[in-house]
Amino acid sequence: MKKPQWQLDGKEPDYRFTLANERTFLAWIRTALAVLAGGVALDQFAGHMAPKQLLVGIAVALTLLACLLAGNAYFRWRGNEIAMRHSAPLPATVGIPTVSATLSGVALALTVLLLFGAR
């Protein structure tokens, strides 16, 4: 398989940093899978909670977050690889604040549902 041009530019980084970057990528993917599983589980197994529309909205938010996390994982990995190849600072990420804000909102909404919406 032919490498993309960005993998040919600059100098090859130390393999330890490349492997660490791949482990970080896999951690983001595992997080996306866990969030996706949480959204599916909420939709499938929390039918006794009301209002159902809010529950579906939370499940959709979780599945969309999982999609964003998986996409962000690749672009974060790629950006880090490019930065390492050019001895540049690693780029900032929007993934961490996005995960934090979304999961905080989901946790708050589920807390309200558990306290006031359960039948």
PDB file of N, CA and C in Angstrom:
ATOM      1  N   MET A   1       0.847  -1.181   0.000  1.00  0.00           N
ATOM      2  CA  MET A   1       0.000   0.000   0.000  1.00  0.00           C
ATOM      3  C   MET A   1       0.886   1.235   0.000  1.00  0.00           C
ATOM      4  N   LYS A   2       0.567   2.153  -0.869  1.00  0.00           N
ATOM      5  CA  LYS A   2       1.347   3.373  -0.993  1.00  0.00           C
ATOM      6  C   LYS A   2       1.052   4.310   0.178  1.00  0.00           C
ATOM      7  N   LYS A   3       2.130   4.863   0.754  1.00  0.00           N
ATOM      8  CA  LYS A   3       1.967   5.802   1.869  1.00  0.00           C
ATOM      9  C   LYS A   3       1.501   7.155   1.339  1.00  0.00           C
ATOM     10  N   PRO A   4       0.659   7.852   2.122  1.00  0.00           N
ATOM     11  CA  PRO A   4       0.284   9.212   1.717  1.00  0.00           C
ATOM     12  C   PRO A   4       1.503  10.140   1.816  1.00  0.00           C
ATOM     13  N   GLN A   5       1.441  11.254   1.113  1.00  0.00           N
ATOM     14  CA  GLN A   5       2.577  12.166   1.041  1.00  0.00           C
ATOM     15  C   GLN A   5       3.022  12.663   2.415  1.00  0.00           C
ATOM     16  N   TRP A   6       2.062  12.918   3.307  1.00  0.00           N
ATOM     17  CA  TRP A   6       2.446  13.463   4.611  1.00  0.00           C
ATOM     18  C   TRP A   6       3.305  12.470   5.403  1.00  0.00           C
ATOM     19  N   GLN A   7       3.192  11.172   5.121  1.00  0.00           N
ATOM     20  CA  GLN A   7       4.027  10.187   5.808  1.00  0.00           C
ATOM     21  C   GLN A   7       5.426  10.097   5.206  1.00  0.00           C
ATOM     22  N   LEU A   8       5.638  10.738   4.096  1.00  0.00           N
ATOM     23  CA  LEU A   8       6.951  10.752   3.468  1.00  0.00           C
ATOM     24  C   LEU A   8       7.710  12.046   3.771  1.00  0.00           C
ATOM     25  N   ASP A   9       6.994  13.090   4.180  1.00  0.00           N
ATOM     26  CA  ASP A   9       7.621  14.372   4.483  1.00  0.00           C
ATOM     27  C   ASP A   9       8.328  14.322   5.834  1.00  0.00           C
ATOM     28  N   GLY A  10       9.293  15.200   5.998  1.00  0.00           N
ATOM     29  CA  GLY A  10       9.996  15.293   7.274  1.00  0.00           C
ATOM     30  C   GLY A  10      10.856  14.069   7.508  1.00  0.00           C
ATOM     31  N   LYS A  11      11.225  13.889   8.781  1.00  0.00           N
ATOM     32  CA  LYS A  11      12.048  12.723   9.115  1.00  0.00           C
ATOM     33  C   LYS A  11      11.239  11.737   9.943  1.00  0.00           C
ATOM     34  N   GLU A  12      11.594  10.483   9.794  1.00  0.00           N
ATOM     35  CA  GLU A  12      10.898   9.400  10.510  1.00  0.00           C
ATOM     36  C   GLU A  12      11.085   9.603  12.012  1.00  0.00           C
ATOM     37  N   PRO A  13       9.971   9.687  12.782  1.00  0.00           N
ATOM     38  CA  PRO A  13      10.111   9.858  14.230  1.00  0.00           C
ATOM     39  C   PRO A  13      10.591   8.569  14.907  1.00  0.00           C
ATOM     40  N   ASP A  14      11.084   8.718  16.103  1.00  0.00           N
ATOM     41  CA  ASP A  14      11.482   7.567  16.923  1.00  0.00           C
ATOM     42  C   ASP A  14      10.280   6.625  17.024  1.00  0.00           C
ATOM     43  N   TYR A  15      10.502   5.355  16.814  1.00  0.00           N
ATOM     44  CA  TYR A  15       9.389   4.392  16.790  1.00  0.00           C
ATOM     45  C   TYR A  15       8.622   4.372  18.104  1.00  0.00           C
ATOM     46  N   ARG A  16       9.277   4.686  19.216  1.00  0.00           N
ATOM     47  CA  ARG A  16       8.573   4.694  20.508  1.00  0.00           C
ATOM     48  C   ARG A  16       7.483   5.756  20.536  1.00  0.00           C
ATOM     49  N   PHE A  17       7.755   6.908  19.927  1.00  0.00           N
ATOM     50  CA  PHE A  17       6.749   7.970  19.882  1.00  0.00           C
ATOM     51  C   PHE A  17       5.617   7.605  18.932  1.00  0.00           C
ATOM     52  N   THR A  18       5.970   6.968  17.832  1.00  0.00           N
ATOM     53  CA  THR A  18       4.941   6.510  16.890  1.00  0.00           C
ATOM     54  C   THR A  18       4.024   5.485  17.555  1.00  0.00           C
ATOM     55  N   LEU A  19       4.616   4.539  18.285  1.00  0.00           N
ATOM     56  CA  LEU A  19       3.800   3.530  18.973  1.00  0.00           C
ATOM     57  C   LEU A  19       2.949   4.153  20.078  1.00  0.00           C
ATOM     58  N   ALA A  20       3.504   5.131  20.786  1.00  0.00           N
ATOM     59  CA  ALA A  20       2.720   5.824  21.818  1.00  0.00           C
ATOM     60  C   ALA A  20       1.544   6.566  21.183  1.00  0.00           C
ATOM     61  N   ASN A  21       1.777   7.163  20.027  1.00  0.00           N
ATOM     62  CA  ASN A  21       0.709   7.860  19.312  1.00  0.00           C
ATOM     63  C   ASN A  21      -0.380   6.876  18.882  1.00  0.00           C
ATOM     64  N   GLU A  22       0.024   5.688  18.444  1.00  0.00           N
ATOM     65  CA  GLU A  22      -0.958   4.665  18.068  1.00  0.00           C
ATOM     66  C   GLU A  22      -1.749   4.177  19.276  1.00  0.00           C
ATOM     67  N   ARG A  23      -1.089   4.037  20.422  1.00  0.00           N
ATOM     68  CA  ARG A  23      -1.815   3.629  21.638  1.00  0.00           C
ATOM     69  C   ARG A  23      -2.848   4.683  22.032  1.00  0.00           C
ATOM     70  N   THR A  24      -2.482   5.953  21.874  1.00  0.00           N
ATOM     71  CA  THR A  24      -3.425   7.027  22.173  1.00  0.00           C
ATOM     72  C   THR A  24      -4.610   6.972  21.204  1.00  0.00           C
ATOM     73  N   PHE A  25      -4.331   6.734  19.928  1.00  0.00           N
ATOM     74  CA  PHE A  25      -5.400   6.571  18.937  1.00  0.00           C
ATOM     75  C   PHE A  25      -6.359   5.459  19.372  1.00  0.00           C
ATOM     76  N   LEU A  26      -5.794   4.319  19.760  1.00  0.00           N
ATOM     77  CA  LEU A  26      -6.633   3.192  20.182  1.00  0.00           C
ATOM     78  C   LEU A  26      -7.431   3.511  21.442  1.00  0.00           C
ATOM     79  N   ALA A  27      -6.879   4.300  22.336  1.00  0.00           N
ATOM     80  CA  ALA A  27      -7.619   4.711  23.537  1.00  0.00           C
ATOM     81  C   ALA A  27      -8.821   5.576  23.154  1.00  0.00           C
ATOM     82  N   TRP A  28      -8.638   6.470  22.182  1.00  0.00           N
ATOM     83  CA  TRP A  28      -9.769   7.279  21.712  1.00  0.00           C
ATOM     84  C   TRP A  28     -10.827   6.393  21.063  1.00  0.00           C
ATOM     85  N   ILE A  29     -10.398   5.388  20.301  1.00  0.00           N
ATOM     86  CA  ILE A  29     -11.346   4.469  19.659  1.00  0.00           C
ATOM     87  C   ILE A  29     -12.103   3.662  20.714  1.00  0.00           C
ATOM     88  N   ARG A  30     -11.399   3.191  21.738  1.00  0.00           N
ATOM     89  CA  ARG A  30     -12.083   2.454  22.819  1.00  0.00           C
ATOM     90  C   ARG A  30     -13.105   3.349  23.516  1.00  0.00           C
ATOM     91  N   THR A  31     -12.753   4.597  23.727  1.00  0.00           N
ATOM     92  CA  THR A  31     -13.686   5.533  24.348  1.00  0.00           C
ATOM     93  C   THR A  31     -14.909   5.720  23.462  1.00  0.00           C
ATOM     94  N   ALA A  32     -14.693   5.857  22.153  1.00  0.00           N
ATOM     95  CA  ALA A  32     -15.821   6.001  21.225  1.00  0.00           C
ATOM     96  C   ALA A  32     -16.726   4.773  21.269  1.00  0.00           C
ATOM     97  N   LEU A  33     -16.123   3.592  21.309  1.00  0.00           N
ATOM     98  CA  LEU A  33     -16.925   2.362  21.376  1.00  0.00           C
ATOM     99  C   LEU A  33     -17.725   2.284  22.678  1.00  0.00           C
ATOM    100  N   ALA A  34     -17.120   2.699  23.781  1.00  0.00           N
ATOM    101  CA  ALA A  34     -17.822   2.675  25.069  1.00  0.00           C
ATOM    102  C   ALA A  34     -18.985   3.658  25.071  1.00  0.00           C
ATOM    103  N   VAL A  35     -18.774   4.846  24.519  1.00  0.00           N
ATOM    104  CA  VAL A  35     -19.849   5.836  24.452  1.00  0.00           C
ATOM    105  C   VAL A  35     -20.960   5.340  23.532  1.00  0.00           C
ATOM    106  N   LEU A  36     -20.598   4.737  22.408  1.00  0.00           N
ATOM    107  CA  LEU A  36     -21.590   4.166  21.494  1.00  0.00           C
ATOM    108  C   LEU A  36     -22.394   3.069  22.192  1.00  0.00           C
ATOM    109  N   ALA A  37     -21.717   2.193  22.903  1.00  0.00           N
ATOM    110  CA  ALA A  37     -22.409   1.124  23.638  1.00  0.00           C
ATOM    111  C   ALA A  37     -23.352   1.715  24.685  1.00  0.00           C
ATOM    112  N   GLY A  38     -22.928   2.777  25.341  1.00  0.00           N
ATOM    113  CA  GLY A  38     -23.796   3.436  26.321  1.00  0.00           C
ATOM    114  C   GLY A  38     -25.049   4.003  25.676  1.00  0.00           C
ATOM    115  N   GLY A  39     -24.911   4.608  24.504  1.00  0.00           N
ATOM    116  CA  GLY A  39     -26.076   5.150  23.807  1.00  0.00           C
ATOM    117  C   GLY A  39     -27.044   4.067  23.374  1.00  0.00           C
ATOM    118  N   VAL A  40     -26.504   2.975  22.842  1.00  0.00           N
ATOM    119  CA  VAL A  40     -27.363   1.860  22.408  1.00  0.00           C
ATOM    120  C   VAL A  40     -28.041   1.216  23.624  1.00  0.00           C
ATOM    121  N   ALA A  41     -27.287   1.004  24.694  1.00  0.00           N
ATOM    122  CA  ALA A  41     -27.851   0.395  25.903  1.00  0.00           C
ATOM    123  C   ALA A  41     -28.949   1.271  26.495  1.00  0.00           C
ATOM    124  N   LEU A  42     -28.720   2.567  26.505  1.00  0.00           N
ATOM    125  CA  LEU A  42     -29.727   3.476  27.041  1.00  0.00           C
ATOM    126  C   LEU A  42     -31.014   3.389  26.228  1.00  0.00           C
ATOM    127  N   ASP A  43     -30.881   3.353  24.926  1.00  0.00           N
ATOM    128  CA  ASP A  43     -32.069   3.267  24.075  1.00  0.00           C
ATOM    129  C   ASP A  43     -32.783   1.926  24.232  1.00  0.00           C
ATOM    130  N   GLN A  44     -32.033   0.846  24.357  1.00  0.00           N
ATOM    131  CA  GLN A  44     -32.629  -0.482  24.371  1.00  0.00           C
ATOM    132  C   GLN A  44     -33.155  -0.927  25.739  1.00  0.00           C
ATOM    133  N   PHE A  45     -32.521  -0.462  26.810  1.00  0.00           N
ATOM    134  CA  PHE A  45     -32.831  -1.033  28.119  1.00  0.00           C
ATOM    135  C   PHE A  45     -33.402  -0.054  29.140  1.00  0.00           C
ATOM    136  N   ALA A  46     -33.601   1.189  28.750  1.00  0.00           N
ATOM    137  CA  ALA A  46     -34.138   2.156  29.714  1.00  0.00           C
ATOM    138  C   ALA A  46     -35.533   2.619  29.294  1.00  0.00           C
ATOM    139  N   GLY A  47     -36.299   1.734  28.706  1.00  0.00           N
ATOM    140  CA  GLY A  47     -37.630   2.079  28.222  1.00  0.00           C
ATOM    141  C   GLY A  47     -38.618   2.438  29.312  1.00  0.00           C
ATOM    142  N   HIS A  48     -38.320   2.081  30.552  1.00  0.00           N
ATOM    143  CA  HIS A  48     -39.252   2.368  31.652  1.00  0.00           C
ATOM    144  C   HIS A  48     -39.155   3.814  32.123  1.00  0.00           C
ATOM    145  N   MET A  49     -38.168   4.546  31.639  1.00  0.00           N
ATOM    146  CA  MET A  49     -37.990   5.932  32.070  1.00  0.00           C
ATOM    147  C   MET A  49     -38.779   6.856  31.147  1.00  0.00           C
ATOM    148  N   ALA A  50     -39.251   7.944  31.718  1.00  0.00           N
ATOM    149  CA  ALA A  50     -40.026   8.910  30.942  1.00  0.00           C
ATOM    150  C   ALA A  50     -39.386  10.286  31.108  1.00  0.00           C
ATOM    151  N   PRO A  51     -39.518  11.182  30.204  1.00  0.00           N
ATOM    152  CA  PRO A  51     -40.155  11.064  28.901  1.00  0.00           C
ATOM    153  C   PRO A  51     -39.246  10.346  27.895  1.00  0.00           C
ATOM    154  N   LYS A  52     -39.850   9.513  27.089  1.00  0.00           N
ATOM    155  CA  LYS A  52     -39.121   8.680  26.129  1.00  0.00           C
ATOM    156  C   LYS A  52     -38.342   9.531  25.115  1.00  0.00           C
ATOM    157  N   GLN A  53     -38.904  10.689  24.708  1.00  0.00           N
ATOM    158  CA  GLN A  53     -38.237  11.532  23.723  1.00  0.00           C
ATOM    159  C   GLN A  53     -36.895  12.046  24.264  1.00  0.00           C
ATOM    160  N   LEU A  54     -36.848  12.397  25.536  1.00  0.00           N
ATOM    161  CA  LEU A  54     -35.603  12.875  26.130  1.00  0.00           C
ATOM    162  C   LEU A  54     -34.585  11.743  26.184  1.00  0.00           C
ATOM    163  N   LEU A  55     -35.030  10.563  26.497  1.00  0.00           N
ATOM    164  CA  LEU A  55     -34.152   9.396  26.539  1.00  0.00           C
ATOM    165  C   LEU A  55     -33.560   9.099  25.158  1.00  0.00           C
ATOM    166  N   VAL A  56     -34.388   9.178  24.143  1.00  0.00           N
ATOM    167  CA  VAL A  56     -33.907   8.975  22.774  1.00  0.00           C
ATOM    168  C   VAL A  56     -32.927  10.087  22.402  1.00  0.00           C
ATOM    169  N   GLY A  57     -33.219  11.306  22.802  1.00  0.00           N
ATOM    170  CA  GLY A  57     -32.320  12.429  22.527  1.00  0.00           C
ATOM    171  C   GLY A  57     -30.948  12.237  23.162  1.00  0.00           C
ATOM    172  N   ILE A  58     -30.928  11.727  24.381  1.00  0.00           N
ATOM    173  CA  ILE A  58     -29.655  11.464  25.061  1.00  0.00           C
ATOM    174  C   ILE A  58     -28.908  10.337  24.358  1.00  0.00           C
ATOM    175  N   ALA A  59     -29.631   9.296  23.971  1.00  0.00           N
ATOM    176  CA  ALA A  59     -28.996   8.181  23.255  1.00  0.00           C
ATOM    177  C   ALA A  59     -28.419   8.652  21.918  1.00  0.00           C
ATOM    178  N   VAL A  60     -29.139   9.502  21.214  1.00  0.00           N
ATOM    179  CA  VAL A  60     -28.646  10.044  19.950  1.00  0.00           C
ATOM    180  C   VAL A  60     -27.411  10.914  20.195  1.00  0.00           C
ATOM    181  N   ALA A  61     -27.434  11.719  21.255  1.00  0.00           N
ATOM    182  CA  ALA A  61     -26.269  12.552  21.582  1.00  0.00           C
ATOM    183  C   ALA A  61     -25.039  11.679  21.842  1.00  0.00           C
ATOM    184  N   LEU A  62     -25.243  10.574  22.541  1.00  0.00           N
ATOM    185  CA  LEU A  62     -24.112   9.679  22.815  1.00  0.00           C
ATOM    186  C   LEU A  62     -23.585   9.030  21.538  1.00  0.00           C
ATOM    187  N   THR A  63     -24.481   8.605  20.656  1.00  0.00           N
ATOM    188  CA  THR A  63     -24.018   7.972  19.426  1.00  0.00           C
ATOM    189  C   THR A  63     -23.328   8.984  18.510  1.00  0.00           C
ATOM    190  N   LEU A  64     -23.814  10.218  18.476  1.00  0.00           N
ATOM    191  CA  LEU A  64     -23.137  11.260  17.700  1.00  0.00           C
ATOM    192  C   LEU A  64     -21.772  11.585  18.292  1.00  0.00           C
ATOM    193  N   LEU A  65     -21.692  11.623  19.623  1.00  0.00           N
ATOM    194  CA  LEU A  65     -20.402  11.850  20.272  1.00  0.00           C
ATOM    195  C   LEU A  65     -19.423  10.739  19.914  1.00  0.00           C
ATOM    196  N   ALA A  66     -19.900   9.502  19.878  1.00  0.00           N
ATOM    197  CA  ALA A  66     -19.032   8.380  19.499  1.00  0.00           C
ATOM    198  C   ALA A  66     -18.513   8.556  18.081  1.00  0.00           C
ATOM    199  N   CYS A  67     -19.364   9.010  17.181  1.00  0.00           N
ATOM    200  CA  CYS A  67     -18.959   9.266  15.802  1.00  0.00           C
ATOM    201  C   CYS A  67     -17.890  10.355  15.743  1.00  0.00           C
ATOM    202  N   LEU A  68     -18.092  11.435  16.471  1.00  0.00           N
ATOM    203  CA  LEU A  68     -17.112  12.523  16.505  1.00  0.00           C
ATOM    204  C   LEU A  68     -15.786  12.060  17.105  1.00  0.00           C
ATOM    205  N   LEU A  69     -15.862  11.255  18.151  1.00  0.00           N
ATOM    206  CA  LEU A  69     -14.640  10.760  18.787  1.00  0.00           C
ATOM    207  C   LEU A  69     -13.832   9.878  17.849  1.00  0.00           C
ATOM    208  N   ALA A  70     -14.512   9.010  17.122  1.00  0.00           N
ATOM    209  CA  ALA A  70     -13.806   8.127  16.195  1.00  0.00           C
ATOM    210  C   ALA A  70     -13.134   8.932  15.082  1.00  0.00           C
ATOM    211  N   GLY A  71     -13.830   9.909  14.556  1.00  0.00           N
ATOM    212  CA  GLY A  71     -13.234  10.766  13.538  1.00  0.00           C
ATOM    213  C   GLY A  71     -12.093  11.596  14.086  1.00  0.00           C
ATOM    214  N   ASN A  72     -12.300  12.152  15.277  1.00  0.00           N
ATOM    215  CA  ASN A  72     -11.260  12.951  15.921  1.00  0.00           C
ATOM    216  C   ASN A  72     -10.020  12.113  16.207  1.00  0.00           C
ATOM    217  N   ALA A  73     -10.200  10.847  16.519  1.00  0.00           N
ATOM    218  CA  ALA A  73      -9.060   9.967  16.824  1.00  0.00           C
ATOM    219  C   ALA A  73      -8.098   9.909  15.647  1.00  0.00           C
ATOM    220  N   TYR A  74      -8.634   9.752  14.442  1.00  0.00           N
ATOM    221  CA  TYR A  74      -7.772   9.684  13.266  1.00  0.00           C
ATOM    222  C   TYR A  74      -7.046  11.009  13.033  1.00  0.00           C
ATOM    223  N   PHE A  75      -7.802  12.106  13.062  1.00  0.00           N
ATOM    224  CA  PHE A  75      -7.179  13.397  12.766  1.00  0.00           C
ATOM    225  C   PHE A  75      -6.175  13.800  13.841  1.00  0.00           C
ATOM    226  N   ARG A  76      -6.431  13.401  15.085  1.00  0.00           N
ATOM    227  CA  ARG A  76      -5.465  13.667  16.159  1.00  0.00           C
ATOM    228  C   ARG A  76      -4.199  12.834  15.923  1.00  0.00           C
ATOM    229  N   TRP A  77      -4.355  11.553  15.596  1.00  0.00           N
ATOM    230  CA  TRP A  77      -3.202  10.695  15.315  1.00  0.00           C
ATOM    231  C   TRP A  77      -2.382  11.260  14.165  1.00  0.00           C
ATOM    232  N   ARG A  78      -3.077  11.613  13.084  1.00  0.00           N
ATOM    233  CA  ARG A  78      -2.399  12.154  11.901  1.00  0.00           C
ATOM    234  C   ARG A  78      -1.677  13.460  12.221  1.00  0.00           C
ATOM    235  N   GLY A  79      -2.331  14.367  12.919  1.00  0.00           N
ATOM    236  CA  GLY A  79      -1.712  15.644  13.288  1.00  0.00           C
ATOM    237  C   GLY A  79      -0.475  15.462  14.143  1.00  0.00           C
ATOM    238  N   ASN A  80      -0.554  14.519  15.085  1.00  0.00           N
ATOM    239  CA  ASN A  80       0.608  14.240  15.930  1.00  0.00           C
ATOM    240  C   ASN A  80       1.755  13.654  15.113  1.00  0.00           C
ATOM    241  N   GLU A  81       1.434  12.765  14.177  1.00  0.00           N
ATOM    242  CA  GLU A  81       2.470  12.181  13.320  1.00  0.00           C
ATOM    243  C   GLU A  81       3.160  13.259  12.491  1.00  0.00           C
ATOM    244  N   ILE A  82       2.373  14.140  11.908  1.00  0.00           N
ATOM    245  CA  ILE A  82       2.950  15.210  11.090  1.00  0.00           C
ATOM    246  C   ILE A  82       3.831  16.116  11.951  1.00  0.00           C
ATOM    247  N   ALA A  83       3.345  16.478  13.139  1.00  0.00           N
ATOM    248  CA  ALA A  83       4.133  17.340  14.028  1.00  0.00           C
ATOM    249  C   ALA A  83       5.441  16.657  14.419  1.00  0.00           C
ATOM    250  N   MET A  84       5.394  15.372  14.735  1.00  0.00           N
ATOM    251  CA  MET A  84       6.619  14.667  15.121  1.00  0.00           C
ATOM    252  C   MET A  84       7.600  14.593  13.950  1.00  0.00           C
ATOM    253  N   ARG A  85       7.096  14.437  12.735  1.00  0.00           N
ATOM    254  CA  ARG A  85       7.963  14.353  11.562  1.00  0.00           C
ATOM    255  C   ARG A  85       8.684  15.669  11.293  1.00  0.00           C
ATOM    256  N   HIS A  86       8.100  16.773  11.746  1.00  0.00           N
ATOM    257  CA  HIS A  86       8.683  18.091  11.487  1.00  0.00           C
ATOM    258  C   HIS A  86       9.239  18.732  12.768  1.00  0.00           C
ATOM    259  N   SER A  87       9.358  17.948  13.829  1.00  0.00           N
ATOM    260  CA  SER A  87       9.865  18.449  15.121  1.00  0.00           C
ATOM    261  C   SER A  87       9.115  19.694  15.581  1.00  0.00           C
ATOM    262  N   ALA A  88       7.817  19.670  15.402  1.00  0.00           N
ATOM    263  CA  ALA A  88       6.954  20.793  15.781  1.00  0.00           C
ATOM    264  C   ALA A  88       6.170  20.427  17.045  1.00  0.00           C
ATOM    265  N   PRO A  89       5.612  21.427  17.720  1.00  0.00           N
ATOM    266  CA  PRO A  89       4.763  21.120  18.879  1.00  0.00           C
ATOM    267  C   PRO A  89       3.541  20.313  18.462  1.00  0.00           C
ATOM    268  N   LEU A  90       3.078  19.463  19.352  1.00  0.00           N
ATOM    269  CA  LEU A  90       1.875  18.679  19.059  1.00  0.00           C
ATOM    270  C   LEU A  90       0.665  19.602  19.024  1.00  0.00           C
ATOM    271  N   PRO A  91      -0.261  19.361  18.092  1.00  0.00           N
ATOM    272  CA  PRO A  91      -1.440  20.230  17.975  1.00  0.00           C
ATOM    273  C   PRO A  91      -2.404  20.024  19.144  1.00  0.00           C
ATOM    274  N   ALA A  92      -3.170  21.079  19.402  1.00  0.00           N
ATOM    275  CA  ALA A  92      -4.205  21.010  20.435  1.00  0.00           C
ATOM    276  C   ALA A  92      -5.364  20.160  19.926  1.00  0.00           C
ATOM    277  N   THR A  93      -6.209  19.718  20.843  1.00  0.00           N
ATOM    278  CA  THR A  93      -7.351  18.894  20.461  1.00  0.00           C
ATOM    279  C   THR A  93      -8.644  19.489  20.998  1.00  0.00           C
ATOM    280  N   VAL A  94      -9.721  19.319  20.234  1.00  0.00           N
ATOM    281  CA  VAL A  94     -11.045  19.702  20.702  1.00  0.00           C
ATOM    282  C   VAL A  94     -11.745  18.504  21.326  1.00  0.00           C
ATOM    283  N   GLY A  95     -11.129  17.322  21.205  1.00  0.00           N
ATOM    284  CA  GLY A  95     -11.758  16.095  21.695  1.00  0.00           C
ATOM    285  C   GLY A  95     -11.977  16.081  23.200  1.00  0.00           C
ATOM    286  N   ILE A  96     -10.994  16.512  23.944  1.00  0.00           N
ATOM    287  CA  ILE A  96     -11.097  16.447  25.406  1.00  0.00           C
ATOM    288  C   ILE A  96     -12.214  17.341  25.936  1.00  0.00           C
ATOM    289  N   PRO A  97     -12.276  18.631  25.560  1.00  0.00           N
ATOM    290  CA  PRO A  97     -13.406  19.426  26.055  1.00  0.00           C
ATOM    291  C   PRO A  97     -14.756  18.967  25.512  1.00  0.00           C
ATOM    292  N   THR A  98     -14.775  18.425  24.297  1.00  0.00           N
ATOM    293  CA  THR A  98     -16.034  17.935  23.725  1.00  0.00           C
ATOM    294  C   THR A  98     -16.561  16.747  24.520  1.00  0.00           C
ATOM    295  N   VAL A  99     -15.683  15.789  24.818  1.00  0.00           N
ATOM    296  CA  VAL A  99     -16.085  14.629  25.617  1.00  0.00           C
ATOM    297  C   VAL A  99     -16.553  15.070  26.993  1.00  0.00           C
ATOM    298  N   SER A 100     -15.790  15.934  27.617  1.00  0.00           N
ATOM    299  CA  SER A 100     -16.121  16.384  28.962  1.00  0.00           C
ATOM    300  C   SER A 100     -17.468  17.100  29.010  1.00  0.00           C
ATOM    301  N   ALA A 101     -17.675  18.036  28.104  1.00  0.00           N
ATOM    302  CA  ALA A 101     -18.931  18.798  28.099  1.00  0.00           C
ATOM    303  C   ALA A 101     -20.131  17.915  27.769  1.00  0.00           C
ATOM    304  N   THR A 102     -19.991  17.059  26.764  1.00  0.00           N
ATOM    305  CA  THR A 102     -21.115  16.212  26.360  1.00  0.00           C
ATOM    306  C   THR A 102     -21.477  15.212  27.450  1.00  0.00           C
ATOM    307  N   LEU A 103     -20.472  14.547  28.002  1.00  0.00           N
ATOM    308  CA  LEU A 103     -20.771  13.560  29.045  1.00  0.00           C
ATOM    309  C   LEU A 103     -21.285  14.219  30.319  1.00  0.00           C
ATOM    310  N   SER A 104     -20.834  15.429  30.615  1.00  0.00           N
ATOM    311  CA  SER A 104     -21.389  16.156  31.769  1.00  0.00           C
ATOM    312  C   SER A 104     -22.862  16.468  31.544  1.00  0.00           C
ATOM    313  N   GLY A 105     -23.197  16.915  30.327  1.00  0.00           N
ATOM    314  CA  GLY A 105     -24.595  17.194  30.008  1.00  0.00           C
ATOM    315  C   GLY A 105     -25.456  15.944  30.052  1.00  0.00           C
ATOM    316  N   VAL A 106     -24.938  14.843  29.530  1.00  0.00           N
ATOM    317  CA  VAL A 106     -25.673  13.576  29.558  1.00  0.00           C
ATOM    318  C   VAL A 106     -25.879  13.118  30.994  1.00  0.00           C
ATOM    319  N   ALA A 107     -24.845  13.206  31.804  1.00  0.00           N
ATOM    320  CA  ALA A 107     -24.958  12.791  33.207  1.00  0.00           C
ATOM    321  C   ALA A 107     -25.982  13.647  33.949  1.00  0.00           C
ATOM    322  N   LEU A 108     -25.992  14.939  33.689  1.00  0.00           N
ATOM    323  CA  LEU A 108     -26.968  15.817  34.326  1.00  0.00           C
ATOM    324  C   LEU A 108     -28.388  15.472  33.884  1.00  0.00           C
ATOM    325  N   ALA A 109     -28.576  15.266  32.583  1.00  0.00           N
ATOM    326  CA  ALA A 109     -29.911  14.927  32.085  1.00  0.00           C
ATOM    327  C   ALA A 109     -30.388  13.589  32.643  1.00  0.00           C
ATOM    328  N   LEU A 110     -29.494  12.606  32.714  1.00  0.00           N
ATOM    329  CA  LEU A 110     -29.886  11.310  33.273  1.00  0.00           C
ATOM    330  C   LEU A 110     -30.173  11.401  34.763  1.00  0.00           C
ATOM    331  N   THR A 111     -29.435  12.246  35.468  1.00  0.00           N
ATOM    332  CA  THR A 111     -29.713  12.453  36.898  1.00  0.00           C
ATOM    333  C   THR A 111     -31.116  13.027  37.087  1.00  0.00           C
ATOM    334  N   VAL A 112     -31.460  14.012  36.279  1.00  0.00           N
ATOM    335  CA  VAL A 112     -32.808  14.590  36.357  1.00  0.00           C
ATOM    336  C   VAL A 112     -33.858  13.537  36.022  1.00  0.00           C
ATOM    337  N   LEU A 113     -33.597  12.738  34.993  1.00  0.00           N
ATOM    338  CA  LEU A 113     -34.556  11.671  34.645  1.00  0.00           C
ATOM    339  C   LEU A 113     -34.706  10.665  35.779  1.00  0.00           C
ATOM    340  N   LEU A 114     -33.600  10.274  36.379  1.00  0.00           N
ATOM    341  CA  LEU A 114     -33.682   9.303  37.465  1.00  0.00           C
ATOM    342  C   LEU A 114     -34.422   9.854  38.677  1.00  0.00           C
ATOM    343  N   LEU A 115     -34.212  11.102  38.962  1.00  0.00           N
ATOM    344  CA  LEU A 115     -34.861  11.704  40.131  1.00  0.00           C
ATOM    345  C   LEU A 115     -36.339  12.035  39.899  1.00  0.00           C
ATOM    346  N   PHE A 116     -36.659  12.512  38.702  1.00  0.00           N
ATOM    347  CA  PHE A 116     -38.005  13.034  38.486  1.00  0.00           C
ATOM    348  C   PHE A 116     -38.797  12.327  37.383  1.00  0.00           C
ATOM    349  N   GLY A 117     -38.137  11.509  36.547  1.00  0.00           N
ATOM    350  CA  GLY A 117     -38.835  10.960  35.401  1.00  0.00           C
ATOM    351  C   GLY A 117     -39.175   9.491  35.483  1.00  0.00           C
ATOM    352  N   ALA A 118     -38.596   8.779  36.422  1.00  0.00           N
ATOM    353  CA  ALA A 118     -38.847   7.338  36.512  1.00  0.00           C
ATOM    354  C   ALA A 118     -40.270   7.084  36.995  1.00  0.00           C
ATOM    355  N   ARG A 119     -40.885   6.066  36.435  1.00  0.00           N
ATOM    356  CA  ARG A 119     -42.261   5.731  36.858  1.00  0.00           C
ATOM    357  C   ARG A 119     -42.258   4.628  37.867  1.00  0.00           C
TER     358      ARG A 119
END
